[in-house]
Protein backbone atom coordinates (compact mmCIF):
# COMPACT_ATOMS: atom_id res chain seq x y z
CA MET A 1 36.34 -142.90 -23.81
CA VAL A 2 38.03 -144.42 -26.84
CA THR A 3 37.72 -144.18 -30.58
CA ALA A 4 36.44 -146.87 -32.95
CA ARG A 5 37.05 -150.61 -32.29
CA TYR A 6 37.04 -151.65 -28.66
CA TYR A 7 35.74 -154.24 -26.28
CA CYS A 8 35.77 -154.84 -22.58
CA PHE A 9 37.27 -158.20 -21.65
CA SER A 10 37.46 -158.03 -17.88
CA SER A 11 34.76 -156.77 -15.55
CA PHE A 12 35.42 -155.04 -12.25
CA ALA A 13 36.32 -157.60 -9.54
CA ASP A 14 36.71 -160.37 -12.11
CA LYS A 15 38.68 -163.25 -10.54
CA VAL A 16 41.97 -164.32 -12.11
CA PHE A 17 44.64 -166.77 -11.00
CA ASP A 18 47.85 -165.14 -9.77
CA GLY A 19 50.55 -167.65 -10.69
CA VAL A 20 53.17 -165.97 -8.48
CA ALA A 21 51.00 -166.04 -5.35
CA GLY A 22 49.38 -169.35 -6.30
CA ARG A 23 45.82 -168.16 -5.62
CA TYR A 24 42.97 -166.16 -7.12
CA LYS A 25 42.74 -162.39 -6.88
CA TYR A 26 40.22 -159.72 -7.85
CA LEU A 27 40.97 -157.31 -10.70
CA PRO A 28 40.09 -153.83 -9.39
CA HIS A 29 39.45 -152.31 -12.83
CA TYR A 30 37.79 -152.64 -16.21
CA THR A 31 40.14 -154.02 -18.85
CA TYR A 32 39.61 -153.01 -22.47
CA ARG A 33 41.10 -154.25 -25.71
CA LEU A 34 41.58 -151.29 -28.03
CA ARG A 35 42.69 -150.87 -31.58
CA ALA A 36 46.29 -149.72 -31.92
CA ASN A 37 46.85 -146.02 -31.24
CA ALA A 38 43.28 -145.40 -30.03
CA LYS A 39 42.64 -142.03 -28.40
CA ILE A 40 41.89 -142.08 -24.66
CA TYR A 41 40.02 -139.16 -23.12
CA ALA A 42 39.83 -137.76 -19.58
CA SER A 43 36.79 -139.05 -17.69
CA MET A 44 36.73 -136.14 -15.23
CA ASP A 45 38.25 -132.72 -14.60
CA GLY A 46 41.45 -132.95 -12.59
CA THR A 47 45.22 -132.92 -12.45
CA ILE A 48 47.67 -135.47 -13.83
CA THR A 49 49.43 -136.30 -10.54
CA ARG A 50 51.73 -139.14 -11.57
CA VAL A 51 53.16 -140.71 -14.72
CA ILE A 52 54.90 -144.08 -14.28
CA THR A 53 57.04 -145.82 -16.90
CA GLN A 54 56.46 -149.55 -16.42
CA GLU A 55 58.34 -150.66 -19.53
CA PRO A 56 59.42 -148.73 -22.60
CA ASN A 57 56.21 -147.56 -24.30
CA ASP A 58 54.00 -148.86 -21.45
CA LEU A 59 52.88 -146.07 -19.14
CA GLU A 60 50.46 -145.67 -16.25
CA PHE A 61 49.18 -142.32 -15.10
CA HIS A 62 46.91 -140.96 -12.39
CA LEU A 63 44.23 -138.30 -12.78
CA SER A 64 43.14 -136.81 -9.44
CA ALA A 65 40.17 -134.61 -8.64
CA GLY A 66 40.82 -131.46 -6.64
CA ASP A 67 39.29 -132.99 -3.51
CA ASP A 68 42.15 -135.51 -2.99
CA VAL A 69 39.52 -138.25 -2.59
CA TRP A 70 38.88 -139.45 -6.17
CA MET A 71 41.61 -140.71 -8.47
CA LEU A 72 41.41 -142.43 -11.86
CA VAL A 73 44.20 -144.75 -13.00
CA TYR A 74 44.83 -145.22 -16.72
CA ASP A 75 47.19 -148.16 -17.23
CA HIS A 76 48.98 -149.58 -20.27
CA VAL A 77 49.09 -146.56 -22.54
CA ALA A 78 51.82 -145.80 -25.08
CA LYS A 79 51.85 -142.03 -24.87
CA VAL A 80 50.49 -139.48 -22.42
CA HIS A 81 49.62 -136.26 -24.26
CA VAL A 82 49.69 -134.08 -21.14
CA ALA A 83 52.49 -133.56 -18.64
CA GLU A 84 52.53 -134.49 -14.98
CA GLY A 85 50.98 -131.58 -13.08
CA ALA A 86 48.75 -130.53 -16.00
CA ARG A 87 45.08 -129.64 -15.41
CA VAL A 88 42.65 -131.38 -17.77
CA LYS A 89 38.93 -131.25 -18.42
CA ALA A 90 36.61 -134.21 -18.96
CA GLY A 91 36.73 -135.04 -22.66
CA ASP A 92 40.32 -133.84 -23.24
CA TRP A 93 42.48 -136.21 -25.31
CA ILE A 94 45.06 -137.31 -22.74
CA ALA A 95 46.68 -140.54 -24.00
CA THR A 96 47.08 -143.02 -26.85
CA SER A 97 46.77 -146.79 -26.51
CA LEU A 98 49.63 -149.19 -27.07
CA ASN A 99 50.56 -150.19 -30.59
CA GLU A 100 51.10 -153.88 -29.88
CA THR A 101 49.38 -157.23 -30.24
CA THR A 102 47.16 -157.03 -27.15
CA HIS A 103 46.26 -153.31 -27.11
CA ARG A 104 45.26 -153.82 -23.46
CA PHE A 105 44.12 -150.82 -21.45
CA GLU A 106 42.96 -150.73 -17.80
CA PHE A 107 40.71 -148.14 -16.15
CA GLN A 108 40.51 -147.96 -12.34
CA VAL A 109 38.58 -145.70 -9.96
CA ASN A 110 39.99 -145.14 -6.46
CA LYS A 111 38.27 -143.48 -3.52
CA ASP A 112 40.60 -142.64 -0.64
CA THR A 113 39.00 -141.22 2.49
CA ARG A 114 41.62 -142.41 4.97
CA ARG A 115 42.08 -138.88 6.28
CA ILE A 116 38.32 -138.76 7.01
CA ASP A 117 37.28 -142.28 8.04
CA ASN A 118 40.37 -144.47 7.52
CA THR A 119 39.02 -146.21 4.40
CA SER A 120 40.33 -146.62 0.89
CA TRP A 121 38.65 -148.57 -1.91
CA HIS A 122 38.79 -149.43 -5.56
CA ILE A 123 35.27 -148.56 -6.76
CA CYS A 124 33.35 -150.24 -9.58
CA PRO A 125 33.14 -147.51 -12.25
CA ARG A 126 29.47 -148.39 -12.81
CA THR A 127 28.49 -147.26 -9.30
CA ILE A 128 29.51 -143.68 -10.11
CA GLY A 129 29.32 -143.73 -13.92
CA SER A 130 27.08 -141.46 -15.95
CA SER A 131 24.08 -143.02 -17.67
CA SER A 132 25.88 -142.95 -21.04
CA PHE A 133 28.98 -144.63 -19.54
CA ASN A 134 26.84 -147.35 -17.94
CA LEU A 135 24.72 -147.86 -21.07
CA PHE A 136 27.95 -148.35 -23.06
CA HIS A 137 29.11 -151.09 -20.68
CA GLU A 138 25.72 -152.80 -20.63
CA ALA A 139 25.76 -152.84 -24.45
CA VAL A 140 29.26 -154.31 -24.48
CA ARG A 141 28.31 -156.91 -21.89
CA ALA A 142 25.30 -157.93 -23.96
CA SER A 143 27.27 -158.06 -27.21
CA ASN A 144 29.69 -160.60 -28.62
CA ASN A 145 32.47 -158.17 -27.67
CA ALA A 146 32.32 -159.04 -23.95
CA ARG A 147 35.23 -161.33 -23.06
CA ALA A 148 35.50 -161.85 -19.32
CA THR A 149 38.37 -164.06 -18.21
CA ASP A 150 35.93 -166.59 -16.77
CA GLY A 151 34.12 -167.07 -20.08
CA GLY A 152 31.50 -164.32 -19.96
CA PHE A 153 30.10 -161.51 -17.90
CA VAL A 154 27.41 -161.86 -15.29
CA SER A 155 27.72 -158.12 -14.77
CA VAL A 156 30.26 -155.44 -15.54
CA CYS A 157 30.76 -155.29 -11.77
CA GLU A 158 31.21 -158.54 -9.88
CA ALA A 159 31.39 -156.46 -6.67
CA GLU A 160 30.95 -152.79 -5.82
CA THR A 161 34.36 -152.40 -4.17
CA VAL A 162 37.72 -154.13 -3.84
CA ASP A 163 39.99 -153.58 -0.83
CA PRO A 164 43.31 -152.24 -2.15
CA LEU A 165 45.16 -153.89 0.73
CA ASN A 166 43.79 -157.34 -0.01
CA PHE A 167 43.12 -158.31 -3.64
CA TYR A 168 43.05 -162.02 -2.88
CA VAL A 169 39.92 -164.15 -2.78
CA PRO A 170 39.43 -165.65 0.70
């Protein structure tokens, strides 16, 4: 997924305190810390359906499969190397990480079947990841490079799904 130095510092469904709301919420993604200007590659074949400018040099973009069910969100990138509407293949170089102090990058998997059964979920990437993807995350979790916000990982997935309409811990 990325080149050279990296580590995962937030597992899927890790709990963090939302200062604005005054309560804990689940993070529906893996969060990585990358070296500056790291290459980010497409994790599946699909179409770049949306590019959002959050701040100057901080972009989010969506990669959707042709079935309109699966979507990957790549958040906090500096440059998208493909245009909105472009078709990409798994393994294509599609973005570059931020060149800043944190080098934070988020990866999210969404499954939207509302048109079929009225459900929509953020899915733990591990539940659908290839064996090499999952082995990578297990190695990171077991290494000194794992930095979960609560002081360490129990798993790379604290839950299998997060409800996109309710991120908050009950």
